[in-house]
């Protein structure tokens, strides 16, 4: 099992979200996890209608629970979808 798959399993990341990179920074005692949205469509958060991806928001960073003594951060560009009924809507992140 690759480390990206391992962290995906631990965090509960499911398709269409994916983890392309886990960077372990031993001197800083830090783990950085990159999470990407891997589809061109997604459900509207208002009505759940499958809608085309509009764009990605600026990358954000969240602190997660520590991995052993290592501070753990995940980084993600949250996509927006363009719903025919509700217009551009922000999607929730992969971890809720």
PDB file of N, CA and C in Angstrom:
ATOM      1  N   UNK A   1       0.848  -1.180   0.000  1.00  0.00           N
ATOM      2  CA  UNK A   1       0.000   0.000   0.000  1.00  0.00           C
ATOM      3  C   UNK A   1       0.888   1.237   0.000  1.00  0.00           C
ATOM      4  N   UNK A   2       0.647   2.126  -0.943  1.00  0.00           N
ATOM      5  CA  UNK A   2       1.384   3.390  -1.015  1.00  0.00           C
ATOM      6  C   UNK A   2       0.925   4.319   0.111  1.00  0.00           C
ATOM      7  N   UNK A   3       1.772   5.273   0.486  1.00  0.00           N
ATOM      8  CA  UNK A   3       1.441   6.173   1.595  1.00  0.00           C
ATOM      9  C   UNK A   3       0.199   7.023   1.266  1.00  0.00           C
ATOM     10  N   UNK A   4       0.017   7.403  -0.018  1.00  0.00           N
ATOM     11  CA  UNK A   4      -1.160   8.181  -0.404  1.00  0.00           C
ATOM     12  C   UNK A   4      -2.439   7.369  -0.201  1.00  0.00           C
ATOM     13  N   UNK A   5      -2.379   6.100  -0.585  1.00  0.00           N
ATOM     14  CA  UNK A   5      -3.523   5.210  -0.397  1.00  0.00           C
ATOM     15  C   UNK A   5      -3.783   4.991   1.096  1.00  0.00           C
ATOM     16  N   UNK A   6      -2.715   4.854   1.858  1.00  0.00           N
ATOM     17  CA  UNK A   6      -2.811   4.661   3.309  1.00  0.00           C
ATOM     18  C   UNK A   6      -3.535   5.839   3.960  1.00  0.00           C
ATOM     19  N   UNK A   7      -3.087   7.072   3.661  1.00  0.00           N
ATOM     20  CA  UNK A   7      -3.731   8.249   4.241  1.00  0.00           C
ATOM     21  C   UNK A   7      -5.149   8.426   3.712  1.00  0.00           C
ATOM     22  N   UNK A   8      -5.393   8.095   2.460  1.00  0.00           N
ATOM     23  CA  UNK A   8      -6.748   8.149   1.919  1.00  0.00           C
ATOM     24  C   UNK A   8      -7.692   7.253   2.697  1.00  0.00           C
ATOM     25  N   UNK A   9      -7.221   6.055   3.019  1.00  0.00           N
ATOM     26  CA  UNK A   9      -8.015   5.114   3.805  1.00  0.00           C
ATOM     27  C   UNK A   9      -8.247   5.661   5.214  1.00  0.00           C
ATOM     28  N   UNK A  10      -7.187   6.156   5.868  1.00  0.00           N
ATOM     29  CA  UNK A  10      -7.306   6.666   7.237  1.00  0.00           C
ATOM     30  C   UNK A  10      -8.242   7.867   7.328  1.00  0.00           C
ATOM     31  N   UNK A  11      -8.184   8.760   6.326  1.00  0.00           N
ATOM     32  CA  UNK A  11      -9.006   9.975   6.332  1.00  0.00           C
ATOM     33  C   UNK A  11     -10.405   9.756   5.767  1.00  0.00           C
ATOM     34  N   UNK A  12     -10.629   8.621   5.117  1.00  0.00           N
ATOM     35  CA  UNK A  12     -11.936   8.362   4.518  1.00  0.00           C
ATOM     36  C   UNK A  12     -12.160   9.106   3.221  1.00  0.00           C
ATOM     37  N   UNK A  13     -11.093   9.410   2.505  1.00  0.00           N
ATOM     38  CA  UNK A  13     -11.191  10.118   1.220  1.00  0.00           C
ATOM     39  C   UNK A  13     -11.710   9.146   0.168  1.00  0.00           C
ATOM     40  N   UNK A  14     -12.808   9.510  -0.490  1.00  0.00           N
ATOM     41  CA  UNK A  14     -13.424   8.646  -1.490  1.00  0.00           C
ATOM     42  C   UNK A  14     -13.514   9.368  -2.823  1.00  0.00           C
ATOM     43  N   UNK A  15     -13.605   8.588  -3.898  1.00  0.00           N
ATOM     44  CA  UNK A  15     -13.726   9.119  -5.247  1.00  0.00           C
ATOM     45  C   UNK A  15     -14.954  10.032  -5.323  1.00  0.00           C
ATOM     46  N   UNK A  16     -14.847  11.157  -5.968  1.00  0.00           N
ATOM     47  CA  UNK A  16     -13.827  11.577  -6.914  1.00  0.00           C
ATOM     48  C   UNK A  16     -12.646  12.311  -6.278  1.00  0.00           C
ATOM     49  N   UNK A  17     -12.610  12.399  -4.938  1.00  0.00           N
ATOM     50  CA  UNK A  17     -11.465  12.996  -4.276  1.00  0.00           C
ATOM     51  C   UNK A  17     -10.309  12.007  -4.313  1.00  0.00           C
ATOM     52  N   UNK A  18      -9.093  12.526  -4.366  1.00  0.00           N
ATOM     53  CA  UNK A  18      -7.917  11.662  -4.385  1.00  0.00           C
ATOM     54  C   UNK A  18      -6.742  12.366  -3.712  1.00  0.00           C
ATOM     55  N   UNK A  19      -5.799  11.571  -3.254  1.00  0.00           N
ATOM     56  CA  UNK A  19      -4.586  12.102  -2.620  1.00  0.00           C
ATOM     57  C   UNK A  19      -3.415  11.800  -3.538  1.00  0.00           C
ATOM     58  N   UNK A  20      -2.928  12.818  -4.284  1.00  0.00           N
ATOM     59  CA  UNK A  20      -1.796  12.578  -5.169  1.00  0.00           C
ATOM     60  C   UNK A  20      -0.442  12.658  -4.466  1.00  0.00           C
ATOM     61  N   UNK A  21      -0.400  13.288  -3.269  1.00  0.00           N
ATOM     62  CA  UNK A  21       0.896  13.514  -2.635  1.00  0.00           C
ATOM     63  C   UNK A  21       0.764  13.577  -1.123  1.00  0.00           C
ATOM     64  N   UNK A  22       1.644  12.865  -0.445  1.00  0.00           N
ATOM     65  CA  UNK A  22       1.842  13.001   0.996  1.00  0.00           C
ATOM     66  C   UNK A  22       3.313  13.320   1.181  1.00  0.00           C
ATOM     67  N   UNK A  23       3.594  14.479   1.766  1.00  0.00           N
ATOM     68  CA  UNK A  23       4.981  14.915   1.965  1.00  0.00           C
ATOM     69  C   UNK A  23       5.308  14.895   3.448  1.00  0.00           C
ATOM     70  N   UNK A  24       6.248  14.054   3.806  1.00  0.00           N
ATOM     71  CA  UNK A  24       6.705  13.935   5.182  1.00  0.00           C
ATOM     72  C   UNK A  24       7.919  14.834   5.367  1.00  0.00           C
ATOM     73  N   UNK A  25       7.811  15.799   6.267  1.00  0.00           N
ATOM     74  CA  UNK A  25       8.897  16.741   6.568  1.00  0.00           C
ATOM     75  C   UNK A  25       9.444  16.413   7.964  1.00  0.00           C
ATOM     76  N   UNK A  26      10.416  15.526   8.000  1.00  0.00           N
ATOM     77  CA  UNK A  26      10.923  15.031   9.278  1.00  0.00           C
ATOM     78  C   UNK A  26      11.536  16.135  10.140  1.00  0.00           C
ATOM     79  N   UNK A  27      12.406  17.015   9.594  1.00  0.00           N
ATOM     80  CA  UNK A  27      12.981  18.057  10.458  1.00  0.00           C
ATOM     81  C   UNK A  27      11.928  18.979  11.090  1.00  0.00           C
ATOM     82  N   UNK A  28      10.828  19.234  10.353  1.00  0.00           N
ATOM     83  CA  UNK A  28       9.761  20.107  10.865  1.00  0.00           C
ATOM     84  C   UNK A  28       8.708  19.326  11.648  1.00  0.00           C
ATOM     85  N   UNK A  29       8.829  18.003  11.679  1.00  0.00           N
ATOM     86  CA  UNK A  29       7.832  17.114  12.282  1.00  0.00           C
ATOM     87  C   UNK A  29       6.439  17.464  11.772  1.00  0.00           C
ATOM     88  N   UNK A  30       6.306  17.377  10.439  1.00  0.00           N
ATOM     89  CA  UNK A  30       5.074  17.796   9.772  1.00  0.00           C
ATOM     90  C   UNK A  30       4.747  16.838   8.620  1.00  0.00           C
ATOM     91  N   UNK A  31       3.456  16.570   8.436  1.00  0.00           N
ATOM     92  CA  UNK A  31       2.963  15.802   7.299  1.00  0.00           C
ATOM     93  C   UNK A  31       2.033  16.715   6.507  1.00  0.00           C
ATOM     94  N   UNK A  32       2.305  16.872   5.207  1.00  0.00           N
ATOM     95  CA  UNK A  32       1.447  17.654   4.318  1.00  0.00           C
ATOM     96  C   UNK A  32       0.748  16.704   3.356  1.00  0.00           C
ATOM     97  N   UNK A  33      -0.579  16.797   3.301  1.00  0.00           N
ATOM     98  CA  UNK A  33      -1.382  15.910   2.457  1.00  0.00           C
ATOM     99  C   UNK A  33      -2.102  16.763   1.424  1.00  0.00           C
ATOM    100  N   UNK A  34      -1.830  16.499   0.144  1.00  0.00           N
ATOM    101  CA  UNK A  34      -2.518  17.189  -0.947  1.00  0.00           C
ATOM    102  C   UNK A  34      -3.745  16.379  -1.324  1.00  0.00           C
ATOM    103  N   UNK A  35      -4.900  17.041  -1.403  1.00  0.00           N
ATOM    104  CA  UNK A  35      -6.136  16.370  -1.792  1.00  0.00           C
ATOM    105  C   UNK A  35      -6.702  17.108  -3.002  1.00  0.00           C
ATOM    106  N   UNK A  36      -7.075  16.351  -4.043  1.00  0.00           N
ATOM    107  CA  UNK A  36      -7.600  16.946  -5.280  1.00  0.00           C
ATOM    108  C   UNK A  36      -8.969  16.369  -5.605  1.00  0.00           C
ATOM    109  N   UNK A  37      -9.764  17.186  -6.292  1.00  0.00           N
ATOM    110  CA  UNK A  37     -11.060  16.731  -6.811  1.00  0.00           C
ATOM    111  C   UNK A  37     -10.819  16.258  -8.229  1.00  0.00           C
ATOM    112  N   UNK A  38     -11.105  15.000  -8.515  1.00  0.00           N
ATOM    113  CA  UNK A  38     -10.711  14.403  -9.787  1.00  0.00           C
ATOM    114  C   UNK A  38     -11.827  14.201 -10.786  1.00  0.00           C
ATOM    115  N   UNK A  39     -12.857  15.059 -10.785  1.00  0.00           N
ATOM    116  CA  UNK A  39     -13.958  14.881 -11.727  1.00  0.00           C
ATOM    117  C   UNK A  39     -14.351  16.242 -12.299  1.00  0.00           C
ATOM    118  N   UNK A  40     -15.068  16.223 -13.408  1.00  0.00           N
ATOM    119  CA  UNK A  40     -15.533  17.470 -14.039  1.00  0.00           C
ATOM    120  C   UNK A  40     -16.964  17.812 -13.664  1.00  0.00           C
ATOM    121  N   UNK A  41     -17.610  16.972 -12.862  1.00  0.00           N
ATOM    122  CA  UNK A  41     -18.966  17.224 -12.399  1.00  0.00           C
ATOM    123  C   UNK A  41     -19.043  16.915 -10.907  1.00  0.00           C
ATOM    124  N   UNK A  42     -20.083  17.448 -10.268  1.00  0.00           N
ATOM    125  CA  UNK A  42     -20.301  17.160  -8.858  1.00  0.00           C
ATOM    126  C   UNK A  42     -21.698  17.571  -8.462  1.00  0.00           C
ATOM    127  N   UNK A  43     -22.179  17.089  -7.326  1.00  0.00           N
ATOM    128  CA  UNK A  43     -23.526  17.440  -6.893  1.00  0.00           C
ATOM    129  C   UNK A  43     -23.599  18.867  -6.361  1.00  0.00           C
ATOM    130  N   UNK A  44     -24.687  19.538  -6.684  1.00  0.00           N
ATOM    131  CA  UNK A  44     -24.959  20.864  -6.134  1.00  0.00           C
ATOM    132  C   UNK A  44     -25.223  20.699  -4.633  1.00  0.00           C
ATOM    133  N   UNK A  45     -24.619  21.521  -3.767  1.00  0.00           N
ATOM    134  CA  UNK A  45     -24.856  21.377  -2.333  1.00  0.00           C
ATOM    135  C   UNK A  45     -26.278  21.761  -1.923  1.00  0.00           C
ATOM    136  N   UNK A  46     -27.001  22.485  -2.776  1.00  0.00           N
ATOM    137  CA  UNK A  46     -28.376  22.883  -2.461  1.00  0.00           C
ATOM    138  C   UNK A  46     -29.395  21.801  -2.805  1.00  0.00           C
ATOM    139  N   UNK A  47     -29.291  21.237  -4.029  1.00  0.00           N
ATOM    140  CA  UNK A  47     -30.331  20.321  -4.516  1.00  0.00           C
ATOM    141  C   UNK A  47     -29.800  18.939  -4.895  1.00  0.00           C
ATOM    142  N   UNK A  48     -28.493  18.742  -4.820  1.00  0.00           N
ATOM    143  CA  UNK A  48     -27.856  17.457  -5.131  1.00  0.00           C
ATOM    144  C   UNK A  48     -27.876  17.099  -6.617  1.00  0.00           C
ATOM    145  N   UNK A  49     -28.284  18.043  -7.476  1.00  0.00           N
ATOM    146  CA  UNK A  49     -28.281  17.782  -8.920  1.00  0.00           C
ATOM    147  C   UNK A  49     -26.845  17.719  -9.422  1.00  0.00           C
ATOM    148  N   UNK A  50     -26.541  16.729 -10.242  1.00  0.00           N
ATOM    149  CA  UNK A  50     -25.210  16.607 -10.814  1.00  0.00           C
ATOM    150  C   UNK A  50     -24.974  17.785 -11.753  1.00  0.00           C
ATOM    151  N   UNK A  51     -23.936  18.572 -11.482  1.00  0.00           N
ATOM    152  CA  UNK A  51     -23.667  19.817 -12.203  1.00  0.00           C
ATOM    153  C   UNK A  51     -22.213  19.866 -12.632  1.00  0.00           C
ATOM    154  N   UNK A  52     -21.918  20.596 -13.727  1.00  0.00           N
ATOM    155  CA  UNK A  52     -20.530  20.687 -14.171  1.00  0.00           C
ATOM    156  C   UNK A  52     -19.675  21.505 -13.207  1.00  0.00           C
ATOM    157  N   UNK A  53     -18.418  21.124 -13.114  1.00  0.00           N
ATOM    158  CA  UNK A  53     -17.460  21.870 -12.302  1.00  0.00           C
ATOM    159  C   UNK A  53     -17.274  23.244 -12.924  1.00  0.00           C
ATOM    160  N   UNK A  54     -17.379  24.278 -12.124  1.00  0.00           N
ATOM    161  CA  UNK A  54     -17.233  25.656 -12.596  1.00  0.00           C
ATOM    162  C   UNK A  54     -15.758  26.085 -12.547  1.00  0.00           C
ATOM    163  N   UNK A  55     -15.140  25.935 -11.393  1.00  0.00           N
ATOM    164  CA  UNK A  55     -13.727  26.289 -11.219  1.00  0.00           C
ATOM    165  C   UNK A  55     -13.247  25.785  -9.869  1.00  0.00           C
ATOM    166  N   UNK A  56     -11.983  26.058  -9.550  1.00  0.00           N
ATOM    167  CA  UNK A  56     -11.421  25.726  -8.243  1.00  0.00           C
ATOM    168  C   UNK A  56     -11.202  27.013  -7.473  1.00  0.00           C
ATOM    169  N   UNK A  57     -11.457  26.954  -6.200  1.00  0.00           N
ATOM    170  CA  UNK A  57     -11.186  28.094  -5.336  1.00  0.00           C
ATOM    171  C   UNK A  57      -9.697  28.105  -4.996  1.00  0.00           C
ATOM    172  N   UNK A  58      -9.246  29.155  -4.390  1.00  0.00           N
ATOM    173  CA  UNK A  58      -7.867  29.240  -3.928  1.00  0.00           C
ATOM    174  C   UNK A  58      -7.581  28.096  -2.962  1.00  0.00           C
ATOM    175  N   UNK A  59      -6.372  27.579  -3.019  1.00  0.00           N
ATOM    176  CA  UNK A  59      -6.011  26.473  -2.137  1.00  0.00           C
ATOM    177  C   UNK A  59      -6.127  26.904  -0.679  1.00  0.00           C
ATOM    178  N   UNK A  60      -6.702  26.027   0.110  1.00  0.00           N
ATOM    179  CA  UNK A  60      -6.827  26.252   1.542  1.00  0.00           C
ATOM    180  C   UNK A  60      -6.054  25.169   2.275  1.00  0.00           C
ATOM    181  N   UNK A  61      -5.731  25.448   3.519  1.00  0.00           N
ATOM    182  CA  UNK A  61      -5.007  24.500   4.359  1.00  0.00           C
ATOM    183  C   UNK A  61      -5.747  24.337   5.681  1.00  0.00           C
ATOM    184  N   UNK A  62      -5.889  23.086   6.117  1.00  0.00           N
ATOM    185  CA  UNK A  62      -6.523  22.776   7.381  1.00  0.00           C
ATOM    186  C   UNK A  62      -5.564  21.954   8.227  1.00  0.00           C
ATOM    187  N   UNK A  63      -5.589  22.184   9.509  1.00  0.00           N
ATOM    188  CA  UNK A  63      -4.828  21.360  10.450  1.00  0.00           C
ATOM    189  C   UNK A  63      -5.697  20.176  10.812  1.00  0.00           C
ATOM    190  N   UNK A  64      -5.130  18.992  10.756  1.00  0.00           N
ATOM    191  CA  UNK A  64      -5.838  17.773  11.120  1.00  0.00           C
ATOM    192  C   UNK A  64      -5.248  17.259  12.415  1.00  0.00           C
ATOM    193  N   UNK A  65      -5.744  16.147  12.895  1.00  0.00           N
ATOM    194  CA  UNK A  65      -5.160  15.528  14.079  1.00  0.00           C
ATOM    195  C   UNK A  65      -3.719  15.138  13.784  1.00  0.00           C
ATOM    196  N   UNK A  66      -2.888  15.114  14.797  1.00  0.00           N
ATOM    197  CA  UNK A  66      -1.484  14.776  14.625  1.00  0.00           C
ATOM    198  C   UNK A  66      -1.320  13.314  14.208  1.00  0.00           C
ATOM    199  N   UNK A  67      -0.287  13.065  13.408  1.00  0.00           N
ATOM    200  CA  UNK A  67       0.129  11.709  13.073  1.00  0.00           C
ATOM    201  C   UNK A  67       1.344  11.427  13.949  1.00  0.00           C
ATOM    202  N   UNK A  68       1.140  10.627  14.983  1.00  0.00           N
ATOM    203  CA  UNK A  68       2.143  10.442  16.029  1.00  0.00           C
ATOM    204  C   UNK A  68       2.485  11.832  16.563  1.00  0.00           C
ATOM    205  N   UNK A  69       3.759  12.232  16.550  1.00  0.00           N
ATOM    206  CA  UNK A  69       4.131  13.563  17.048  1.00  0.00           C
ATOM    207  C   UNK A  69       4.167  14.598  15.925  1.00  0.00           C
ATOM    208  N   UNK A  70       3.808  14.223  14.699  1.00  0.00           N
ATOM    209  CA  UNK A  70       3.896  15.102  13.538  1.00  0.00           C
ATOM    210  C   UNK A  70       2.607  15.895  13.338  1.00  0.00           C
ATOM    211  N   UNK A  71       2.745  17.216  13.219  1.00  0.00           N
ATOM    212  CA  UNK A  71       1.594  18.050  12.878  1.00  0.00           C
ATOM    213  C   UNK A  71       1.137  17.656  11.477  1.00  0.00           C
ATOM    214  N   UNK A  72      -0.163  17.481  11.291  1.00  0.00           N
ATOM    215  CA  UNK A  72      -0.697  17.009  10.013  1.00  0.00           C
ATOM    216  C   UNK A  72      -1.600  18.076   9.409  1.00  0.00           C
ATOM    217  N   UNK A  73      -1.307  18.428   8.156  1.00  0.00           N
ATOM    218  CA  UNK A  73      -2.068  19.447   7.437  1.00  0.00           C
ATOM    219  C   UNK A  73      -2.547  18.880   6.116  1.00  0.00           C
ATOM    220  N   UNK A  74      -3.767  19.217   5.724  1.00  0.00           N
ATOM    221  CA  UNK A  74      -4.209  18.846   4.387  1.00  0.00           C
ATOM    222  C   UNK A  74      -4.517  20.107   3.608  1.00  0.00           C
ATOM    223  N   UNK A  75      -4.172  20.046   2.324  1.00  0.00           N
ATOM    224  CA  UNK A  75      -4.267  21.185   1.418  1.00  0.00           C
ATOM    225  C   UNK A  75      -5.189  20.806   0.268  1.00  0.00           C
ATOM    226  N   UNK A  76      -6.099  21.721  -0.075  1.00  0.00           N
ATOM    227  CA  UNK A  76      -7.091  21.381  -1.090  1.00  0.00           C
ATOM    228  C   UNK A  76      -7.644  22.650  -1.739  1.00  0.00           C
ATOM    229  N   UNK A  77      -7.884  22.573  -3.046  1.00  0.00           N
ATOM    230  CA  UNK A  77      -8.636  23.603  -3.759  1.00  0.00           C
ATOM    231  C   UNK A  77     -10.068  23.110  -3.853  1.00  0.00           C
ATOM    232  N   UNK A  78     -10.981  23.774  -3.150  1.00  0.00           N
ATOM    233  CA  UNK A  78     -12.373  23.335  -3.171  1.00  0.00           C
ATOM    234  C   UNK A  78     -13.032  23.779  -4.476  1.00  0.00           C
ATOM    235  N   UNK A  79     -13.607  22.840  -5.215  1.00  0.00           N
ATOM    236  CA  UNK A  79     -14.234  23.204  -6.482  1.00  0.00           C
ATOM    237  C   UNK A  79     -15.602  23.832  -6.266  1.00  0.00           C
ATOM    238  N   UNK A  80     -16.028  24.598  -7.262  1.00  0.00           N
ATOM    239  CA  UNK A  80     -17.396  25.096  -7.309  1.00  0.00           C
ATOM    240  C   UNK A  80     -18.081  24.427  -8.484  1.00  0.00           C
ATOM    241  N   UNK A  81     -19.369  24.178  -8.346  1.00  0.00           N
ATOM    242  CA  UNK A  81     -20.158  23.628  -9.448  1.00  0.00           C
ATOM    243  C   UNK A  81     -21.139  24.696  -9.922  1.00  0.00           C
ATOM    244  N   UNK A  82     -21.557  24.575 -11.179  1.00  0.00           N
ATOM    245  CA  UNK A  82     -22.525  25.519 -11.744  1.00  0.00           C
ATOM    246  C   UNK A  82     -23.847  24.776 -11.939  1.00  0.00           C
ATOM    247  N   UNK A  83     -24.721  24.940 -10.952  1.00  0.00           N
ATOM    248  CA  UNK A  83     -26.032  24.302 -10.974  1.00  0.00           C
ATOM    249  C   UNK A  83     -26.970  25.118 -11.865  1.00  0.00           C
ATOM    250  N   UNK A  84     -27.769  24.459 -12.738  1.00  0.00           N
ATOM    251  CA  UNK A  84     -28.701  25.209 -13.577  1.00  0.00           C
ATOM    252  C   UNK A  84     -29.758  25.954 -12.765  1.00  0.00           C
ATOM    253  N   UNK A  85     -30.064  25.479 -11.575  1.00  0.00           N
ATOM    254  CA  UNK A  85     -31.074  26.116 -10.735  1.00  0.00           C
ATOM    255  C   UNK A  85     -30.475  27.130  -9.766  1.00  0.00           C
ATOM    256  N   UNK A  86     -29.340  26.782  -9.123  1.00  0.00           N
ATOM    257  CA  UNK A  86     -28.791  27.599  -8.041  1.00  0.00           C
ATOM    258  C   UNK A  86     -27.527  28.376  -8.409  1.00  0.00           C
ATOM    259  N   UNK A  87     -27.057  28.263  -9.641  1.00  0.00           N
ATOM    260  CA  UNK A  87     -25.851  28.976 -10.049  1.00  0.00           C
ATOM    261  C   UNK A  87     -24.595  28.366  -9.457  1.00  0.00           C
ATOM    262  N   UNK A  88     -23.540  29.172  -9.342  1.00  0.00           N
ATOM    263  CA  UNK A  88     -22.259  28.682  -8.821  1.00  0.00           C
ATOM    264  C   UNK A  88     -22.385  28.419  -7.321  1.00  0.00           C
ATOM    265  N   UNK A  89     -21.999  27.219  -6.937  1.00  0.00           N
ATOM    266  CA  UNK A  89     -22.096  26.799  -5.544  1.00  0.00           C
ATOM    267  C   UNK A  89     -20.772  26.185  -5.104  1.00  0.00           C
ATOM    268  N   UNK A  90     -20.352  26.485  -3.886  1.00  0.00           N
ATOM    269  CA  UNK A  90     -19.139  25.881  -3.321  1.00  0.00           C
ATOM    270  C   UNK A  90     -19.433  24.454  -2.896  1.00  0.00           C
ATOM    271  N   UNK A  91     -18.530  23.555  -3.248  1.00  0.00           N
ATOM    272  CA  UNK A  91     -18.633  22.161  -2.812  1.00  0.00           C
ATOM    273  C   UNK A  91     -17.994  22.038  -1.440  1.00  0.00           C
ATOM    274  N   UNK A  92     -18.456  21.073  -0.666  1.00  0.00           N
ATOM    275  CA  UNK A  92     -17.807  20.768   0.596  1.00  0.00           C
ATOM    276  C   UNK A  92     -16.492  20.081   0.328  1.00  0.00           C
ATOM    277  N   UNK A  93     -15.593  20.176   1.297  1.00  0.00           N
ATOM    278  CA  UNK A  93     -14.307  19.518   1.179  1.00  0.00           C
ATOM    279  C   UNK A  93     -14.422  18.009   1.319  1.00  0.00           C
ATOM    280  N   UNK A  94     -13.349  17.310   1.055  1.00  0.00           N
ATOM    281  CA  UNK A  94     -13.364  15.852   1.083  1.00  0.00           C
ATOM    282  C   UNK A  94     -13.553  15.262   2.473  1.00  0.00           C
ATOM    283  N   UNK A  95     -13.290  16.043   3.505  1.00  0.00           N
ATOM    284  CA  UNK A  95     -13.417  15.529   4.862  1.00  0.00           C
ATOM    285  C   UNK A  95     -14.622  16.135   5.583  1.00  0.00           C
ATOM    286  N   UNK A  96     -15.551  16.672   4.780  1.00  0.00           N
ATOM    287  CA  UNK A  96     -16.792  17.216   5.327  1.00  0.00           C
ATOM    288  C   UNK A  96     -16.768  18.663   5.643  1.00  0.00           C
TER     289      UNK A  96
END
